[in-house]
Protein backbone atom coordinates (compact mmCIF):
# COMPACT_ATOMS: atom_id res chain seq x y z
CA UNK A 1 28.43 34.54 -38.60
CA UNK A 2 27.63 33.81 -34.93
CA UNK A 3 28.86 35.36 -31.68
CA UNK A 4 29.91 32.71 -29.21
CA UNK A 5 31.77 32.88 -25.93
CA UNK A 6 35.48 32.63 -26.25
CA UNK A 7 36.78 29.40 -24.57
CA UNK A 8 40.01 31.14 -23.94
CA UNK A 9 38.58 34.12 -22.01
CA UNK A 10 35.38 33.18 -20.32
CA UNK A 11 33.27 30.29 -19.16
CA UNK A 12 29.67 29.53 -20.17
CA UNK A 13 28.39 31.18 -17.17
CA UNK A 14 29.19 34.68 -18.63
CA UNK A 15 26.53 34.05 -21.38
CA UNK A 16 23.04 35.07 -20.85
CA UNK A 17 20.75 32.73 -22.90
CA UNK A 18 17.47 33.93 -24.41
CA UNK A 19 18.04 37.52 -23.77
CA UNK A 20 19.90 38.56 -26.86
CA UNK A 21 22.80 40.11 -24.93
CA UNK A 22 26.36 39.60 -26.01
CA UNK A 23 28.90 38.10 -23.63
CA UNK A 24 31.80 40.28 -22.43
CA UNK A 25 34.14 38.34 -24.52
CA UNK A 26 32.97 37.04 -27.85
CA UNK A 27 34.34 36.03 -31.15
CA UNK A 28 32.84 35.93 -34.55
CA UNK A 29 33.09 32.54 -36.20
CA UNK A 30 31.91 31.66 -39.67
CA UNK A 31 28.92 29.13 -39.32
CA UNK A 32 29.45 27.57 -42.67
CA UNK A 33 32.22 27.05 -45.09
CA UNK A 34 31.90 29.85 -47.64
CA UNK A 35 32.60 27.45 -50.58
CA UNK A 36 30.78 24.14 -49.94
CA UNK A 37 28.33 25.22 -47.20
CA UNK A 38 29.39 22.60 -44.69
CA UNK A 39 28.69 23.61 -41.03
CA UNK A 40 32.07 24.30 -39.33
CA UNK A 41 31.08 26.75 -36.53
CA UNK A 42 30.66 23.97 -34.07
CA UNK A 43 34.23 22.74 -34.61
CA UNK A 44 36.08 25.94 -33.83
CA UNK A 45 36.12 25.39 -29.99
CA UNK A 46 37.31 21.91 -30.38
CA UNK A 47 39.98 23.08 -32.90
CA UNK A 48 41.38 25.52 -30.32
CA UNK A 49 41.36 22.89 -27.69
CA UNK A 50 43.37 20.54 -29.82
CA UNK A 51 45.81 23.38 -30.63
CA UNK A 52 46.24 24.02 -26.93
CA UNK A 53 46.97 20.26 -26.46
CA UNK A 54 50.06 20.58 -28.84
CA UNK A 55 48.40 19.16 -31.94
CA UNK A 56 49.60 20.63 -35.20
CA UNK A 57 47.14 22.43 -37.31
CA UNK A 58 46.99 19.59 -39.76
CA UNK A 59 46.60 17.00 -37.17
CA UNK A 60 43.84 19.00 -35.37
CA UNK A 61 41.91 19.44 -38.63
CA UNK A 62 42.27 15.67 -39.38
CA UNK A 63 41.02 14.84 -35.89
CA UNK A 64 37.87 16.98 -36.53
CA UNK A 65 37.17 15.24 -39.74
CA UNK A 66 37.73 18.26 -42.05
CA UNK A 67 38.99 16.66 -45.32
CA UNK A 68 38.03 19.27 -47.84
CA UNK A 69 40.66 22.10 -48.25
CA UNK A 70 37.88 24.66 -48.45
CA UNK A 71 36.63 23.80 -44.91
CA UNK A 72 40.19 23.41 -43.58
CA UNK A 73 40.94 26.99 -44.99
CA UNK A 74 38.07 28.33 -42.90
CA UNK A 75 39.59 27.35 -39.63
CA UNK A 76 43.18 27.93 -40.54
CA UNK A 77 42.68 31.51 -41.79
CA UNK A 78 40.16 32.64 -39.37
CA UNK A 79 41.27 35.91 -37.65
CA UNK A 80 39.45 36.81 -34.47
CA UNK A 81 38.85 40.54 -35.25
CA UNK A 82 36.39 41.16 -32.42
CA UNK A 83 39.22 41.06 -29.85
CA UNK A 84 41.17 43.68 -31.78
CA UNK A 85 38.09 45.80 -32.30
CA UNK A 86 37.23 45.71 -28.50
CA UNK A 87 40.43 47.78 -28.08
CA UNK A 88 38.85 50.67 -29.75
CA UNK A 89 36.03 51.49 -27.35
CA UNK A 90 34.74 54.94 -28.55
CA UNK A 91 33.26 55.89 -25.23
CA UNK A 92 36.43 55.57 -23.38
CA UNK A 93 38.25 57.48 -26.17
CA UNK A 94 35.78 60.35 -26.03
CA UNK A 95 36.21 60.57 -22.21
CA UNK A 96 40.04 60.74 -22.54
CA UNK A 97 39.90 63.47 -25.13
CA UNK A 98 37.55 65.56 -22.98
CA UNK A 99 39.97 65.24 -20.13
CA UNK A 100 42.92 66.23 -22.23
CA UNK A 101 41.14 69.42 -23.51
CA UNK A 102 39.14 71.05 -20.77
CA UNK A 103 39.16 74.42 -22.37
CA UNK A 104 36.93 73.35 -25.36
CA UNK A 105 38.64 73.54 -28.76
CA UNK A 106 42.14 73.51 -27.45
CA UNK A 107 43.17 76.49 -29.26
CA UNK A 108 44.75 79.60 -27.44
CA UNK A 109 42.94 82.82 -28.17
């Protein structure tokens, strides 16, 4: 699994190379097919571009040269969970709870 800048949310300028930092918007893409081991991580950005250009999923996978159904499955069924997980920032939630209960435990004595 590799963290790459999301082509839909940021440009390449947001990525700091060589420092080990993660861009503000990232996605977790499988690098290889789990079944056959073929490298597919480099095809995901192009796959998204083809879908944006009104290709069907099957036509986009054919254009990328993915013939094996195991590799096609990897792109078709990929769910970008990092975008959903970014909604649950624990630091912001902790600050909001502290603002809601200024008296400490929140129980009346």
